Amino acid sequence: MDKIVNIKNLTINDNKNNILVNGVSLSIEKGEIFGLVGESGSGKTLTAKSIINLLPENLDYKVDLIETIGKNIVDMTKNEKRELIGKNVGFIPQNTIFFLHPMIKIKNQIGDGYIYHMNKSKKEALEKASMLLSKVGFENPDDILKYYPWQLSGGMRQRVNIAMALMNDPQLIIADEPTTALDSTIQRQVIDLFKTINEELGISIILISHDLALVKHYSNRIAVMYAGQIVESGFSDDVFQNPKHPYTQLLIKIIPTFNMKKNERLSEIPGFVQETGRGNKGCVFRFRCPKAMDICSEKVIENNIENNHYYKCNLS
C-alpha cells in the first residue's frame, strides 16, 4: 500500500536542549486508521504536529524525512506547505478553547478555509458546514453557525472542530484526543463518523488517544509511545493479543472491563512519564518497569517479530 505519512528519525528538542521526541520513525498507509497511544507527555501530539508543520516555534527538530501526502515537507517553502496541508489534511485539536477565535462567528471560521483552498462560494461553504455540523450531532446546525465560540460548551466546540476538519474532503485527518469533553453518546457518534468516512471515502485517520479501548476497537495499526519514543507498534490485534513491551502490557491491564467487581480499584502504573533524560542510553521505561534488569540501564534491543510487530525491550 502507498504511504500517506512517512517519518524517519524525528528528534525534537526544547530551547533548553531537552529531548522531547527521540528518533521516532513511523508510517501511515493510505486508507487506514492508525492509533497513536500513550500517557500524557509521551510525545504523541508533537509527533503528529510535525506531520503538518505545526510544531511550536520554540522547539527545534531534526529529521531525515517527513512525507505528508507523498511530499517531503522538509524541503518545501512555507507557502507550499500551507497549500499542501490546507487542502489535504484536517486537524482536530485537543484544546478547543484556544483553537477557535472567541470573537469570530462559527460560520466564518468553519467556512473561510473551504472558500480559500477549494475556491468555493460563501453559500456553498455554509451549506456544507451545516451538513457536517448535523453529522457530528447538532440538531440546530444553522443556529450554531451564527454563534460565537464562547457561546458553546467545550463539547460543542469540539464537534465544531471535527466538522471543520472535514470541510475540505481531506486525504488525512489527525484527531488529537477527539472525544475529550464529549459525553458517551456523542463520543460513539463521533468515532462512528470517523469509521464511516474512513470506509466510504478512504480517508486516512491518525487517532491520538490515551484510551486504549477506543484505539483497539477502531484502529488497524497502533504505535505505543513512552517518553518520546515508540516502544511498540504493529497491527492492533497482534499488539493487544500478544503485547511484548511491559509498558504496553500495563496499559492494557488498566483498561476497565465488565468483569470488574463492585468497589474494585482500577489498576494504575506507578510513577510518571519522565521529562528529562530521554536521550540517555538504556531503556526509558526502566524506572517504572516491574521487569527491569541491570542491562536495561546500559542498552535496549529493538525487536521485529511476525507481521511487522516491533517492540523495544531487552525481554524476548
Protein backbone atom coordinates (compact mmCIF):
# COMPACT_ATOMS: atom_id res chain seq x y z
CA MET A 1 0.00 0.00 0.00
CA ASP A 2 1.03 3.62 -0.53
CA LYS A 3 2.12 5.66 2.46
CA ILE A 4 0.23 8.85 3.23
CA VAL A 5 2.67 9.73 6.05
CA ASN A 6 6.27 8.63 6.40
CA ILE A 7 8.54 9.92 9.18
CA LYS A 8 12.14 8.81 9.56
CA ASN A 9 14.25 9.51 12.64
CA LEU A 10 12.45 12.52 14.12
CA THR A 11 14.02 14.16 17.18
CA ILE A 12 12.52 17.26 18.83
CA ASN A 13 14.30 19.44 21.43
CA ASP A 14 13.11 22.35 23.54
CA ASN A 15 15.06 25.60 23.96
CA LYS A 16 16.95 24.09 26.92
CA ASN A 17 18.09 21.23 24.69
CA ASN A 18 15.91 18.69 26.48
CA ILE A 19 14.83 15.90 24.16
CA LEU A 20 11.05 15.67 23.86
CA VAL A 21 10.82 13.18 20.98
CA ASN A 22 13.73 10.87 20.28
CA GLY A 23 14.39 9.09 16.99
CA VAL A 24 10.78 8.39 16.04
CA SER A 25 10.03 6.67 12.74
CA LEU A 26 6.54 5.70 11.64
CA SER A 27 4.43 5.35 8.53
CA ILE A 28 0.70 5.50 7.93
CA GLU A 29 -0.84 3.77 4.93
CA LYS A 30 -3.48 5.29 2.70
CA GLY A 31 -6.95 4.38 3.87
CA GLU A 32 -6.10 3.13 7.36
CA ILE A 33 -6.95 4.28 10.87
CA PHE A 34 -3.69 4.46 12.81
CA GLY A 35 -3.73 4.71 16.61
CA LEU A 36 -1.02 6.64 18.45
CA VAL A 37 -1.31 5.87 22.16
CA GLY A 38 0.43 6.58 25.45
CA GLU A 39 0.15 8.68 28.59
CA SER A 40 0.19 12.47 28.56
CA GLY A 41 3.71 13.75 27.93
CA SER A 42 4.72 10.79 25.77
CA GLY A 43 5.25 12.93 22.65
CA LYS A 44 2.17 11.85 20.67
CA THR A 45 0.88 15.33 19.84
CA LEU A 46 4.32 16.74 18.97
CA THR A 47 4.96 13.82 16.62
CA ALA A 48 1.61 14.39 14.91
CA LYS A 49 2.12 18.16 14.65
CA SER A 50 5.42 17.61 12.84
CA ILE A 51 3.41 16.00 10.02
CA ILE A 52 1.52 19.25 9.39
CA ASN A 53 4.25 21.79 10.16
CA LEU A 54 2.59 22.92 13.41
CA LEU A 55 5.44 22.47 15.88
CA PRO A 56 5.78 25.43 18.27
CA GLU A 57 8.43 27.93 17.19
CA ASN A 58 10.42 27.50 20.42
CA LEU A 59 11.18 23.87 19.53
CA ASP A 60 13.96 22.61 17.27
CA TYR A 61 13.78 19.38 15.33
CA LYS A 62 15.99 17.14 13.24
CA VAL A 63 14.60 14.57 10.85
CA ASP A 64 15.70 12.56 7.86
CA LEU A 65 12.28 12.65 6.18
CA ILE A 66 8.73 13.86 6.76
CA GLU A 67 6.48 12.88 3.89
CA THR A 68 2.92 14.20 4.11
CA ILE A 69 0.51 13.16 1.34
CA GLY A 70 3.51 11.81 -0.54
CA LYS A 71 5.51 15.06 -0.43
CA ASN A 72 8.64 15.72 1.62
CA ILE A 73 7.64 18.87 3.51
CA VAL A 74 11.14 19.33 4.95
CA ASP A 75 12.27 20.80 1.63
CA MET A 76 9.13 22.81 0.87
CA THR A 77 8.58 26.55 1.25
CA LYS A 78 6.14 27.91 3.83
CA ASN A 79 3.54 28.65 1.15
CA GLU A 80 3.94 25.20 -0.41
CA LYS A 81 3.41 23.58 2.96
CA ARG A 82 0.32 25.71 3.63
CA GLU A 83 -1.18 24.79 0.25
CA LEU A 84 -0.49 21.06 0.59
CA ILE A 85 -1.66 20.76 4.18
CA GLY A 86 -4.61 23.16 3.90
CA LYS A 87 -6.15 21.20 1.03
CA ASN A 88 -5.36 17.68 2.16
CA VAL A 89 -5.17 17.44 5.95
CA GLY A 90 -7.79 18.06 8.62
CA PHE A 91 -6.62 18.64 12.20
CA ILE A 92 -8.81 18.17 15.27
CA PRO A 93 -7.04 19.64 18.30
CA GLN A 94 -7.25 18.55 21.89
CA ASN A 95 -7.53 22.09 23.22
CA THR A 96 -10.79 23.51 21.89
CA ILE A 97 -10.58 26.72 23.94
CA PHE A 98 -7.66 28.26 22.08
CA PHE A 99 -8.18 26.75 18.62
CA LEU A 100 -11.33 28.72 17.79
CA HIS A 101 -11.15 32.53 17.82
CA PRO A 102 -13.60 33.69 20.52
CA MET A 103 -14.75 36.81 18.61
CA ILE A 104 -15.31 35.33 15.13
CA LYS A 105 -18.56 33.57 14.36
CA ILE A 106 -18.52 29.83 13.69
CA LYS A 107 -19.75 30.31 10.12
CA ASN A 108 -16.68 32.34 9.24
CA GLN A 109 -14.17 30.09 10.97
CA ILE A 110 -15.57 26.88 9.52
CA GLY A 111 -16.08 28.30 6.03
CA ASP A 112 -13.06 30.51 5.32
CA GLY A 113 -10.59 27.68 4.73
CA TYR A 114 -13.04 25.93 2.41
CA ILE A 115 -13.59 29.11 0.39
CA TYR A 116 -9.85 29.87 0.20
CA HIS A 117 -8.40 26.42 -0.52
CA MET A 118 -11.25 24.90 -2.54
CA ASN A 119 -12.28 28.06 -4.46
CA LYS A 120 -15.90 27.84 -3.33
CA SER A 121 -18.57 30.45 -2.68
CA LYS A 122 -19.76 31.52 0.76
CA LYS A 123 -23.16 29.91 0.04
CA GLU A 124 -21.51 26.58 -0.80
CA ALA A 125 -19.38 26.81 2.35
CA LEU A 126 -22.39 27.43 4.60
CA GLU A 127 -24.36 24.57 3.03
CA LYS A 128 -21.53 22.11 3.55
CA ALA A 129 -20.83 23.40 7.07
CA SER A 130 -24.48 22.94 8.03
CA MET A 131 -24.49 19.38 6.68
CA LEU A 132 -21.31 18.45 8.58
CA LEU A 133 -22.47 20.05 11.83
CA SER A 134 -25.59 17.92 11.57
CA LYS A 135 -23.46 14.81 11.03
CA VAL A 136 -21.46 15.43 14.19
CA GLY A 137 -24.59 15.63 16.33
CA PHE A 138 -26.04 19.15 16.17
CA GLU A 139 -29.82 19.28 15.84
CA ASN A 140 -29.74 23.01 15.02
CA PRO A 141 -26.69 23.41 12.72
CA ASP A 142 -27.85 26.66 11.09
CA ASP A 143 -28.18 28.28 14.51
CA ILE A 144 -24.73 27.03 15.56
CA LEU A 145 -23.19 28.73 12.52
CA LYS A 146 -24.41 32.10 13.86
CA TYR A 147 -22.85 31.62 17.32
CA TYR A 148 -19.50 32.73 18.68
CA PRO A 149 -17.31 30.01 20.26
CA TRP A 150 -17.76 31.49 23.74
CA GLN A 151 -21.48 30.72 23.45
CA LEU A 152 -20.73 26.98 23.10
CA SER A 153 -19.71 24.37 25.65
CA GLY A 154 -16.39 22.54 25.38
CA GLY A 155 -18.08 19.51 23.85
CA MET A 156 -19.90 21.65 21.30
CA ARG A 157 -16.67 23.39 20.30
CA GLN A 158 -15.02 20.01 19.82
CA ARG A 159 -17.80 18.95 17.45
CA VAL A 160 -17.34 22.20 15.52
CA ASN A 161 -13.63 21.42 15.21
CA ILE A 162 -14.44 17.96 13.86
CA ALA A 163 -16.79 19.39 11.24
CA MET A 164 -14.16 21.96 10.31
CA ALA A 165 -11.57 19.23 9.78
CA LEU A 166 -13.90 17.52 7.30
CA MET A 167 -14.71 20.62 5.24
CA ASN A 168 -12.04 20.22 2.54
CA ASP A 169 -12.62 16.48 1.98
CA PRO A 170 -9.10 15.75 3.27
CA GLN A 171 -6.99 12.70 2.47
CA LEU A 172 -5.79 12.62 6.09
CA ILE A 173 -7.35 13.59 9.41
CA ILE A 174 -5.27 13.96 12.57
CA ALA A 175 -7.56 13.62 15.59
CA ASP A 176 -5.87 14.56 18.88
CA GLU A 177 -7.98 13.12 21.72
CA PRO A 178 -11.10 13.85 19.62
CA THR A 179 -13.62 12.70 22.22
CA THR A 180 -12.33 14.89 25.05
CA ALA A 181 -15.20 16.74 26.79
CA LEU A 182 -17.88 14.75 24.93
CA ASP A 183 -20.48 12.65 26.69
CA SER A 184 -20.54 8.92 25.96
CA THR A 185 -23.37 9.12 23.41
CA ILE A 186 -21.67 11.83 21.34
CA GLN A 187 -18.31 10.05 21.70
CA ARG A 188 -19.77 7.00 19.99
CA GLN A 189 -21.38 9.13 17.27
CA VAL A 190 -18.11 10.94 16.56
CA ILE A 191 -15.94 7.84 16.41
CA ASP A 192 -18.52 6.02 14.30
CA LEU A 193 -18.45 9.03 11.96
CA PHE A 194 -14.68 8.67 11.65
CA LYS A 195 -15.12 4.98 10.87
CA THR A 196 -17.75 5.76 8.24
CA ILE A 197 -15.70 8.38 6.40
CA ASN A 198 -12.69 6.10 6.56
CA GLU A 199 -14.61 3.21 4.99
CA GLU A 200 -16.69 5.19 2.48
CA LEU A 201 -14.19 7.85 1.42
CA GLY A 202 -10.87 6.13 2.12
CA ILE A 203 -9.69 8.99 4.33
CA SER A 204 -6.71 8.03 6.48
CA ILE A 205 -7.03 8.89 10.17
CA ILE A 206 -4.41 9.26 12.88
CA LEU A 207 -6.23 8.71 16.16
CA ILE A 208 -4.22 10.08 19.10
CA SER A 209 -5.52 8.84 22.43
CA HIS A 210 -4.73 7.51 25.87
CA ASP A 211 -7.92 5.43 25.63
CA LEU A 212 -6.68 2.00 24.57
CA ALA A 213 -10.17 0.52 24.46
CA LEU A 214 -11.13 3.11 21.86
CA VAL A 215 -7.99 2.59 19.81
CA LYS A 216 -8.29 -1.19 19.95
CA HIS A 217 -11.81 -1.10 18.53
CA TYR A 218 -11.21 1.34 15.68
CA SER A 219 -7.53 1.24 14.60
CA ASN A 220 -5.92 -1.01 12.00
CA ARG A 221 -2.43 -0.49 13.42
CA ILE A 222 -1.10 1.22 16.52
CA ALA A 223 2.11 2.67 17.89
CA VAL A 224 2.67 2.92 21.65
CA MET A 225 4.76 5.93 22.73
CA TYR A 226 6.56 6.43 26.01
CA ALA A 227 8.86 9.36 26.95
CA GLY A 228 9.32 10.45 23.34
CA GLN A 229 9.96 7.01 21.85
CA ILE A 230 7.89 4.37 20.10
CA VAL A 231 8.26 1.32 22.32
CA GLU A 232 5.88 -1.00 20.46
CA SER A 233 3.94 -0.99 17.19
CA GLY A 234 2.08 -3.35 14.90
CA PHE A 235 -1.39 -4.46 13.85
CA SER A 236 -3.86 -3.72 16.62
CA ASP A 237 -4.94 -7.33 17.03
CA ASP A 238 -1.33 -8.53 17.32
CA VAL A 239 -0.36 -5.88 19.86
CA PHE A 240 -3.41 -6.41 22.07
CA GLN A 241 -3.37 -10.21 21.88
CA ASN A 242 0.39 -10.52 22.34
CA PRO A 243 1.81 -7.32 23.90
CA LYS A 244 5.58 -7.58 24.19
CA HIS A 245 6.66 -4.38 25.91
CA PRO A 246 5.98 -4.14 29.68
CA TYR A 247 4.55 -0.64 29.20
CA THR A 248 2.01 -1.90 26.66
CA GLN A 249 1.15 -4.78 28.96
CA LEU A 250 0.46 -2.38 31.82
CA LEU A 251 -1.62 -0.04 29.63
CA ILE A 252 -3.79 -2.97 28.54
CA LYS A 253 -4.10 -4.18 32.14
CA ILE A 254 -5.59 -0.88 33.32
CA ILE A 255 -8.40 -0.91 30.73
CA PRO A 256 -11.65 -1.22 32.74
CA THR A 257 -13.73 -4.34 31.99
CA PHE A 258 -17.26 -5.52 32.71
CA ASN A 259 -15.75 -8.34 34.76
CA MET A 260 -14.61 -5.96 37.48
CA LYS A 261 -16.18 -6.48 40.87
CA LYS A 262 -18.09 -3.77 42.69
CA ASN A 263 -15.76 -1.40 44.58
CA GLU A 264 -12.72 -2.99 42.90
CA ARG A 265 -9.96 -0.40 42.43
CA LEU A 266 -8.72 0.34 38.94
CA SER A 267 -5.15 -0.70 38.23
CA GLU A 268 -2.57 2.05 37.73
CA ILE A 269 1.01 2.42 36.61
CA PRO A 270 3.13 3.79 39.48
CA GLY A 271 5.28 6.84 38.80
CA PHE A 272 5.10 9.30 35.93
CA VAL A 273 6.47 9.88 32.44
CA GLN A 274 9.96 11.36 32.75
CA GLU A 275 10.52 14.80 31.23
CA THR A 276 14.33 14.75 31.14
CA GLY A 277 16.99 12.20 30.27
CA ARG A 278 15.08 10.88 27.29
CA GLY A 279 18.24 10.74 25.22
CA ASN A 280 20.25 8.73 27.73
CA LYS A 281 21.37 5.20 26.97
CA GLY A 282 19.28 2.27 28.05
CA CYS A 283 15.51 1.83 28.27
CA VAL A 284 13.47 4.95 29.03
CA PHE A 285 10.83 2.88 30.83
CA ARG A 286 13.20 1.10 33.22
CA PHE A 287 12.43 3.41 36.17
CA ARG A 288 8.78 2.27 36.21
CA CYS A 289 9.15 -1.19 34.74
CA PRO A 290 8.36 -4.15 37.02
CA LYS A 291 10.57 -6.36 34.85
CA ALA A 292 13.62 -4.11 34.63
CA MET A 293 17.07 -5.76 34.66
CA ASP A 294 20.57 -4.38 35.18
CA ILE A 295 21.20 -4.41 31.43
CA CYS A 296 18.26 -2.04 30.88
CA SER A 297 20.33 0.89 32.17
CA GLU A 298 23.02 0.17 29.57
CA LYS A 299 21.17 -0.73 26.36
CA VAL A 300 17.84 -1.71 24.86
CA ILE A 301 17.23 -4.11 21.99
CA GLU A 302 14.93 -3.38 19.05
CA ASN A 303 12.93 -6.45 18.05
CA ASN A 304 10.85 -7.27 14.99
CA ILE A 305 8.66 -10.36 15.02
CA GLU A 306 5.94 -11.70 12.72
CA ASN A 307 3.57 -9.28 10.95
CA ASN A 308 5.97 -6.34 11.45
CA HIS A 309 5.26 -6.40 15.18
CA TYR A 310 8.00 -4.15 16.64
CA TYR A 311 9.00 -3.63 20.23
CA LYS A 312 11.93 -2.01 22.02
CA CYS A 313 12.83 -4.15 25.01
CA ASN A 314 15.56 -6.49 26.31
CA LEU A 315 12.96 -9.16 27.09
CA SER A 316 12.48 -11.73 24.32
